[in-house]
Amino acid sequence: MSRSTRERLWSLGPVLLLAASAGMALHPVYGTRSTVPVVVVAAIAPVLLVVAERAAGPRRVPLWRSLLVSVAALILTGCATLYRADALAGVLPTLAGLRRMADDLVDAPHRILTTVLPVSGEGTPLVLAHACVWLAAYVGAELALRTGTVLLPALPALAVFGLALPLGAAGPGSAAVPAVGFAGAAGALVVLRAAAPAARGPRSRWACR
């Protein structure tokens, strides 16, 4: 593992916190008690997966392969946490479970916007939070390791935060605390990325490796 890669690994902490803060902005939608475990798993697991891929060997894993592994892990984790009743042995996805997960993911925004918040129900529509936070953490981690940009790794979490605000506008509580956490994590990301050598070189700044 090169020195630049090791230095970029430090920025994965703020990336994880950005995804978690964005996910917690959804707490007016689901209620804090239901949101926390989903966000914790969906923010930590994909970052650990990216780190494990980098630590597995000296050769960098192709992006397409990393994406396939992450999508498979997203589905497996979702089945093990939100769809245990439809999963084989409570963990492995089944056809019925995959179909229900896909249906719930498509239906979740409509149900949130047409229901008095916080919404209730296992799996539906918590799968939306699981998928959004997972993708924000995974894409942010990949951008942090494969590019030398300073703020680009924060954009996926920012998109989730922007989605969470209108969805939870009618719910109890506010997004003030998650917003403070998001701002703090973004500041830490800027400090760590700006200090990395790769962030100073104009040619390597936008190169995706």
C-alpha atoms as a PDB file:
ATOM      1  CA  MET A   1       0.000   0.000   0.000  1.00  0.00           C
ATOM      2  CA  SER A   2       1.496   3.312  -1.108  1.00  0.00           C
ATOM      3  CA  ARG A   3       2.001   6.304   1.141  1.00  0.00           C
ATOM      4  CA  SER A   4      -0.646   8.326  -0.711  1.00  0.00           C
ATOM      5  CA  THR A   5      -3.184   5.523  -0.251  1.00  0.00           C
ATOM      6  CA  ARG A   6      -2.447   5.316   3.463  1.00  0.00           C
ATOM      7  CA  GLU A   7      -2.932   9.059   3.774  1.00  0.00           C
ATOM      8  CA  ARG A   8      -6.225   8.880   1.878  1.00  0.00           C
ATOM      9  CA  LEU A   9      -7.438   6.120   4.198  1.00  0.00           C
ATOM     10  CA  TRP A  10      -7.550   8.664   7.007  1.00  0.00           C
ATOM     11  CA  SER A  11     -10.203  10.584   5.102  1.00  0.00           C
ATOM     12  CA  LEU A  12     -12.551   7.584   5.217  1.00  0.00           C
ATOM     13  CA  GLY A  13     -13.461   8.498   8.803  1.00  0.00           C
ATOM     14  CA  PRO A  14     -15.058  11.803   7.785  1.00  0.00           C
ATOM     15  CA  VAL A  15     -16.664  10.100   4.765  1.00  0.00           C
ATOM     16  CA  LEU A  16     -18.298   7.567   7.101  1.00  0.00           C
ATOM     17  CA  LEU A  17     -19.492  10.349   9.415  1.00  0.00           C
ATOM     18  CA  LEU A  18     -20.872  12.328   6.475  1.00  0.00           C
ATOM     19  CA  ALA A  19     -22.968   9.349   5.365  1.00  0.00           C
ATOM     20  CA  ALA A  20     -24.124   8.695   8.927  1.00  0.00           C
ATOM     21  CA  SER A  21     -25.068  12.356   9.499  1.00  0.00           C
ATOM     22  CA  ALA A  22     -26.992  12.426   6.225  1.00  0.00           C
ATOM     23  CA  GLY A  23     -28.807   9.242   7.216  1.00  0.00           C
ATOM     24  CA  MET A  24     -29.695  10.600  10.644  1.00  0.00           C
ATOM     25  CA  ALA A  25     -31.351  13.565   8.925  1.00  0.00           C
ATOM     26  CA  LEU A  26     -34.029  10.981   8.076  1.00  0.00           C
ATOM     27  CA  HIS A  27     -34.924  10.453  11.748  1.00  0.00           C
ATOM     28  CA  PRO A  28     -38.101  12.579  11.467  1.00  0.00           C
ATOM     29  CA  VAL A  29     -39.260  10.114   8.809  1.00  0.00           C
ATOM     30  CA  TYR A  30     -38.748   6.878  10.740  1.00  0.00           C
ATOM     31  CA  GLY A  31     -38.198   7.889  14.344  1.00  0.00           C
ATOM     32  CA  THR A  32     -34.768   7.967  15.973  1.00  0.00           C
ATOM     33  CA  ARG A  33     -34.977   4.478  17.466  1.00  0.00           C
ATOM     34  CA  SER A  34     -35.662   2.864  14.087  1.00  0.00           C
ATOM     35  CA  THR A  35     -33.202   5.035  12.171  1.00  0.00           C
ATOM     36  CA  VAL A  36     -30.056   4.587  14.274  1.00  0.00           C
ATOM     37  CA  PRO A  37     -29.362   0.846  13.736  1.00  0.00           C
ATOM     38  CA  VAL A  38     -30.052   1.072   9.998  1.00  0.00           C
ATOM     39  CA  VAL A  39     -27.759   4.081   9.583  1.00  0.00           C
ATOM     40  CA  VAL A  40     -24.960   2.574  11.676  1.00  0.00           C
ATOM     41  CA  VAL A  41     -24.852  -0.609   9.589  1.00  0.00           C
ATOM     42  CA  ALA A  42     -25.269   1.156   6.239  1.00  0.00           C
ATOM     43  CA  ALA A  43     -22.564   3.755   6.974  1.00  0.00           C
ATOM     44  CA  ILE A  44     -19.908   1.454   8.421  1.00  0.00           C
ATOM     45  CA  ALA A  45     -20.222  -1.739   6.350  1.00  0.00           C
ATOM     46  CA  PRO A  46     -19.440  -0.345   2.863  1.00  0.00           C
ATOM     47  CA  VAL A  47     -16.452   1.649   4.134  1.00  0.00           C
ATOM     48  CA  LEU A  48     -15.019  -1.468   5.794  1.00  0.00           C
ATOM     49  CA  LEU A  49     -15.645  -3.352   2.559  1.00  0.00           C
ATOM     50  CA  VAL A  50     -13.645  -0.812   0.546  1.00  0.00           C
ATOM     51  CA  VAL A  51     -10.803  -0.927   3.085  1.00  0.00           C
ATOM     52  CA  ALA A  52     -10.791  -4.738   2.996  1.00  0.00           C
ATOM     53  CA  GLU A  53     -10.523  -4.710  -0.784  1.00  0.00           C
ATOM     54  CA  ARG A  54      -7.509  -2.398  -0.608  1.00  0.00           C
ATOM     55  CA  ALA A  55      -5.864  -4.483   2.106  1.00  0.00           C
ATOM     56  CA  ALA A  56      -6.404  -7.774   0.258  1.00  0.00           C
ATOM     57  CA  GLY A  57      -3.435  -7.307  -2.061  1.00  0.00           C
ATOM     58  CA  PRO A  58      -1.086  -4.856  -3.739  1.00  0.00           C
ATOM     59  CA  ARG A  59      -3.193  -4.654  -6.915  1.00  0.00           C
ATOM     60  CA  ARG A  60      -6.095  -2.240  -6.943  1.00  0.00           C
ATOM     61  CA  VAL A  61      -9.519  -3.857  -7.355  1.00  0.00           C
ATOM     62  CA  PRO A  62     -11.242  -2.714 -10.591  1.00  0.00           C
ATOM     63  CA  LEU A  63     -14.076  -0.303  -9.942  1.00  0.00           C
ATOM     64  CA  TRP A  64     -16.676  -2.487 -11.677  1.00  0.00           C
ATOM     65  CA  ARG A  65     -15.780  -5.462  -9.493  1.00  0.00           C
ATOM     66  CA  SER A  66     -15.857  -3.368  -6.342  1.00  0.00           C
ATOM     67  CA  LEU A  67     -19.298  -2.049  -7.351  1.00  0.00           C
ATOM     68  CA  LEU A  68     -20.679  -5.562  -7.879  1.00  0.00           C
ATOM     69  CA  VAL A  69     -19.368  -6.702  -4.496  1.00  0.00           C
ATOM     70  CA  SER A  70     -20.853  -3.646  -2.797  1.00  0.00           C
ATOM     71  CA  VAL A  71     -24.290  -4.127  -4.381  1.00  0.00           C
ATOM     72  CA  ALA A  72     -24.266  -7.801  -3.348  1.00  0.00           C
ATOM     73  CA  ALA A  73     -23.285  -6.823   0.204  1.00  0.00           C
ATOM     74  CA  LEU A  74     -25.995  -4.136   0.271  1.00  0.00           C
ATOM     75  CA  ILE A  75     -28.633  -6.729  -0.620  1.00  0.00           C
ATOM     76  CA  LEU A  76     -27.246  -9.345   1.766  1.00  0.00           C
ATOM     77  CA  THR A  77     -27.091  -6.875   4.656  1.00  0.00           C
ATOM     78  CA  GLY A  78     -30.580  -5.586   3.886  1.00  0.00           C
ATOM     79  CA  CYS A  79     -31.987  -9.109   3.952  1.00  0.00           C
ATOM     80  CA  ALA A  80     -30.196  -9.916   7.205  1.00  0.00           C
ATOM     81  CA  THR A  81     -31.405  -6.767   8.979  1.00  0.00           C
ATOM     82  CA  LEU A  82     -34.708  -5.685   7.423  1.00  0.00           C
ATOM     83  CA  TYR A  83     -36.074  -8.795   5.693  1.00  0.00           C
ATOM     84  CA  ARG A  84     -35.144 -11.663   7.987  1.00  0.00           C
ATOM     85  CA  ALA A  85     -38.609 -13.201   7.640  1.00  0.00           C
ATOM     86  CA  ASP A  86     -38.105 -13.543   3.876  1.00  0.00           C
ATOM     87  CA  ALA A  87     -34.447 -14.589   4.040  1.00  0.00           C
ATOM     88  CA  LEU A  88     -33.094 -18.120   4.031  1.00  0.00           C
ATOM     89  CA  ALA A  89     -31.833 -18.882   7.535  1.00  0.00           C
ATOM     90  CA  GLY A  90     -32.562 -15.240   8.313  1.00  0.00           C
ATOM     91  CA  VAL A  91     -29.590 -14.066   6.244  1.00  0.00           C
ATOM     92  CA  LEU A  92     -29.474 -15.282   2.644  1.00  0.00           C
ATOM     93  CA  PRO A  93     -31.681 -13.529   0.072  1.00  0.00           C
ATOM     94  CA  THR A  94     -34.569 -15.401  -1.504  1.00  0.00           C
ATOM     95  CA  LEU A  95     -36.492 -14.540  -4.659  1.00  0.00           C
ATOM     96  CA  ALA A  96     -39.486 -13.437  -2.580  1.00  0.00           C
ATOM     97  CA  GLY A  97     -37.271 -11.316  -0.366  1.00  0.00           C
ATOM     98  CA  LEU A  98     -35.553  -9.651  -3.318  1.00  0.00           C
ATOM     99  CA  ARG A  99     -38.898  -8.901  -4.930  1.00  0.00           C
ATOM    100  CA  ARG A 100     -40.255  -7.398  -1.723  1.00  0.00           C
ATOM    101  CA  MET A 101     -37.110  -5.339  -1.230  1.00  0.00           C
ATOM    102  CA  ALA A 102     -37.327  -3.925  -4.754  1.00  0.00           C
ATOM    103  CA  ASP A 103     -41.041  -3.154  -4.364  1.00  0.00           C
ATOM    104  CA  ASP A 104     -40.467  -1.453  -1.006  1.00  0.00           C
ATOM    105  CA  LEU A 105     -37.600   0.624  -2.386  1.00  0.00           C
ATOM    106  CA  VAL A 106     -39.750   1.905  -5.253  1.00  0.00           C
ATOM    107  CA  ASP A 107     -42.788   2.507  -3.029  1.00  0.00           C
ATOM    108  CA  ALA A 108     -40.944   4.118  -0.095  1.00  0.00           C
ATOM    109  CA  PRO A 109     -40.916   7.773  -1.272  1.00  0.00           C
ATOM    110  CA  HIS A 110     -44.650   7.664  -2.068  1.00  0.00           C
ATOM    111  CA  ARG A 111     -45.498   6.096   1.280  1.00  0.00           C
ATOM    112  CA  ILE A 112     -43.387   8.621   3.187  1.00  0.00           C
ATOM    113  CA  LEU A 113     -44.968  11.592   1.430  1.00  0.00           C
ATOM    114  CA  THR A 114     -48.524  10.314   1.916  1.00  0.00           C
ATOM    115  CA  THR A 115     -48.259   9.115   5.544  1.00  0.00           C
ATOM    116  CA  VAL A 116     -48.307  11.006   8.829  1.00  0.00           C
ATOM    117  CA  LEU A 117     -44.704  10.845  10.031  1.00  0.00           C
ATOM    118  CA  PRO A 118     -43.004   8.955  11.492  1.00  0.00           C
ATOM    119  CA  VAL A 119     -43.874   5.991   9.305  1.00  0.00           C
ATOM    120  CA  SER A 120     -44.049   2.527  10.816  1.00  0.00           C
ATOM    121  CA  GLY A 121     -43.457  -0.941   9.551  1.00  0.00           C
ATOM    122  CA  GLU A 122     -40.525  -3.301   9.276  1.00  0.00           C
ATOM    123  CA  GLY A 123     -38.515  -3.121   6.116  1.00  0.00           C
ATOM    124  CA  THR A 124     -40.954  -0.730   4.454  1.00  0.00           C
ATOM    125  CA  PRO A 125     -39.789   1.952   3.933  1.00  0.00           C
ATOM    126  CA  LEU A 126     -36.567   1.688   5.982  1.00  0.00           C
ATOM    127  CA  VAL A 127     -34.953   0.065   2.981  1.00  0.00           C
ATOM    128  CA  LEU A 128     -34.748   3.533   1.397  1.00  0.00           C
ATOM    129  CA  ALA A 129     -32.557   4.773   4.259  1.00  0.00           C
ATOM    130  CA  HIS A 130     -30.455   1.618   4.084  1.00  0.00           C
ATOM    131  CA  ALA A 131     -29.836   1.963   0.349  1.00  0.00           C
ATOM    132  CA  CYS A 132     -29.204   5.725   0.360  1.00  0.00           C
ATOM    133  CA  VAL A 133     -26.764   5.711   3.270  1.00  0.00           C
ATOM    134  CA  TRP A 134     -24.963   2.639   1.926  1.00  0.00           C
ATOM    135  CA  LEU A 135     -24.481   4.198  -1.509  1.00  0.00           C
ATOM    136  CA  ALA A 136     -23.357   7.507  -0.002  1.00  0.00           C
ATOM    137  CA  ALA A 137     -20.757   5.770   2.161  1.00  0.00           C
ATOM    138  CA  TYR A 138     -19.561   3.435  -0.599  1.00  0.00           C
ATOM    139  CA  VAL A 139     -19.319   6.027  -3.381  1.00  0.00           C
ATOM    140  CA  GLY A 140     -17.729   8.537  -1.011  1.00  0.00           C
ATOM    141  CA  ALA A 141     -15.131   5.974   0.113  1.00  0.00           C
ATOM    142  CA  GLU A 142     -14.277   5.027  -3.460  1.00  0.00           C
ATOM    143  CA  LEU A 143     -13.915   8.687  -4.448  1.00  0.00           C
ATOM    144  CA  ALA A 144     -11.720   9.302  -1.408  1.00  0.00           C
ATOM    145  CA  LEU A 145      -9.346   6.483  -2.353  1.00  0.00           C
ATOM    146  CA  ARG A 146      -9.404   6.737  -6.141  1.00  0.00           C
ATOM    147  CA  THR A 147      -9.189  10.529  -6.553  1.00  0.00           C
ATOM    148  CA  GLY A 148      -7.221  13.355  -5.002  1.00  0.00           C
ATOM    149  CA  THR A 149     -10.105  15.825  -4.882  1.00  0.00           C
ATOM    150  CA  VAL A 150     -10.841  17.579  -1.612  1.00  0.00           C
ATOM    151  CA  LEU A 151     -14.638  17.823  -1.505  1.00  0.00           C
ATOM    152  CA  LEU A 152     -15.795  15.339  -4.147  1.00  0.00           C
ATOM    153  CA  PRO A 153     -16.082  12.447  -1.617  1.00  0.00           C
ATOM    154  CA  ALA A 154     -18.650  14.525   0.314  1.00  0.00           C
ATOM    155  CA  LEU A 155     -21.058  14.938  -2.596  1.00  0.00           C
ATOM    156  CA  PRO A 156     -22.844  11.544  -2.302  1.00  0.00           C
ATOM    157  CA  ALA A 157     -23.669  12.209   1.366  1.00  0.00           C
ATOM    158  CA  LEU A 158     -24.710  15.757   0.512  1.00  0.00           C
ATOM    159  CA  ALA A 159     -27.184  14.353  -2.019  1.00  0.00           C
ATOM    160  CA  VAL A 160     -28.685  12.080   0.668  1.00  0.00           C
ATOM    161  CA  PHE A 161     -28.872  14.992   3.102  1.00  0.00           C
ATOM    162  CA  GLY A 162     -30.664  17.040   0.451  1.00  0.00           C
ATOM    163  CA  LEU A 163     -33.139  14.186  -0.058  1.00  0.00           C
ATOM    164  CA  ALA A 164     -33.736  13.777   3.673  1.00  0.00           C
ATOM    165  CA  LEU A 165     -34.749  17.394   4.299  1.00  0.00           C
ATOM    166  CA  PRO A 166     -37.953  17.460   2.189  1.00  0.00           C
ATOM    167  CA  LEU A 167     -38.888  13.888   3.138  1.00  0.00           C
ATOM    168  CA  GLY A 168     -38.710  14.671   6.848  1.00  0.00           C
ATOM    169  CA  ALA A 169     -40.022  18.229   6.733  1.00  0.00           C
ATOM    170  CA  ALA A 170     -43.417  17.234   8.147  1.00  0.00           C
ATOM    171  CA  GLY A 171     -42.019  14.879  10.771  1.00  0.00           C
ATOM    172  CA  PRO A 172     -41.241  15.416  14.462  1.00  0.00           C
ATOM    173  CA  GLY A 173     -37.808  16.718  15.438  1.00  0.00           C
ATOM    174  CA  SER A 174     -35.359  18.602  13.265  1.00  0.00           C
ATOM    175  CA  ALA A 175     -32.232  18.032  11.216  1.00  0.00           C
ATOM    176  CA  ALA A 176     -30.203  20.542  13.246  1.00  0.00           C
ATOM    177  CA  VAL A 177     -28.023  18.003  15.044  1.00  0.00           C
ATOM    178  CA  PRO A 178     -27.304  15.933  11.893  1.00  0.00           C
ATOM    179  CA  ALA A 179     -26.513  19.215  10.086  1.00  0.00           C
ATOM    180  CA  VAL A 180     -23.922  20.119  12.719  1.00  0.00           C
ATOM    181  CA  GLY A 181     -22.412  16.637  12.445  1.00  0.00           C
ATOM    182  CA  PHE A 182     -22.366  16.914   8.660  1.00  0.00           C
ATOM    183  CA  ALA A 183     -20.624  20.294   8.774  1.00  0.00           C
ATOM    184  CA  GLY A 184     -18.033  19.006  11.243  1.00  0.00           C
ATOM    185  CA  ALA A 185     -17.309  15.910   9.156  1.00  0.00           C
ATOM    186  CA  ALA A 186     -17.034  18.035   5.999  1.00  0.00           C
ATOM    187  CA  GLY A 187     -14.556  20.306   7.739  1.00  0.00           C
ATOM    188  CA  ALA A 188     -12.463  17.330   8.857  1.00  0.00           C
ATOM    189  CA  LEU A 189     -12.536  15.966   5.310  1.00  0.00           C
ATOM    190  CA  VAL A 190     -11.261  19.266   3.900  1.00  0.00           C
ATOM    191  CA  VAL A 191      -8.420  19.416   6.427  1.00  0.00           C
ATOM    192  CA  LEU A 192      -7.305  15.831   5.791  1.00  0.00           C
ATOM    193  CA  ARG A 193      -7.659  15.945   2.004  1.00  0.00           C
ATOM    194  CA  ALA A 194      -6.017  19.336   1.604  1.00  0.00           C
ATOM    195  CA  ALA A 195      -2.998  18.115   3.553  1.00  0.00           C
ATOM    196  CA  ALA A 196      -2.560  15.004   1.377  1.00  0.00           C
ATOM    197  CA  PRO A 197       0.117  15.280  -1.331  1.00  0.00           C
ATOM    198  CA  ALA A 198      -2.268  13.994  -4.036  1.00  0.00           C
ATOM    199  CA  ALA A 199      -4.585  16.935  -3.449  1.00  0.00           C
ATOM    200  CA  ARG A 200      -1.844  19.379  -4.413  1.00  0.00           C
ATOM    201  CA  GLY A 201      -1.131  17.984  -7.851  1.00  0.00           C
ATOM    202  CA  PRO A 202      -3.474  19.296 -10.568  1.00  0.00           C
ATOM    203  CA  ARG A 203      -3.045  16.244 -12.774  1.00  0.00           C
ATOM    204  CA  SER A 204      -3.792  13.632 -10.110  1.00  0.00           C
ATOM    205  CA  ARG A 205      -6.619  15.623  -8.559  1.00  0.00           C
ATOM    206  CA  TRP A 206      -9.340  14.341 -10.886  1.00  0.00           C
ATOM    207  CA  ALA A 207      -7.816  11.021 -11.932  1.00  0.00           C
ATOM    208  CA  CYS A 208      -9.987   8.049 -10.999  1.00  0.00           C
ATOM    209  CA  ARG A 209      -7.827   5.027 -10.329  1.00  0.00           C
END
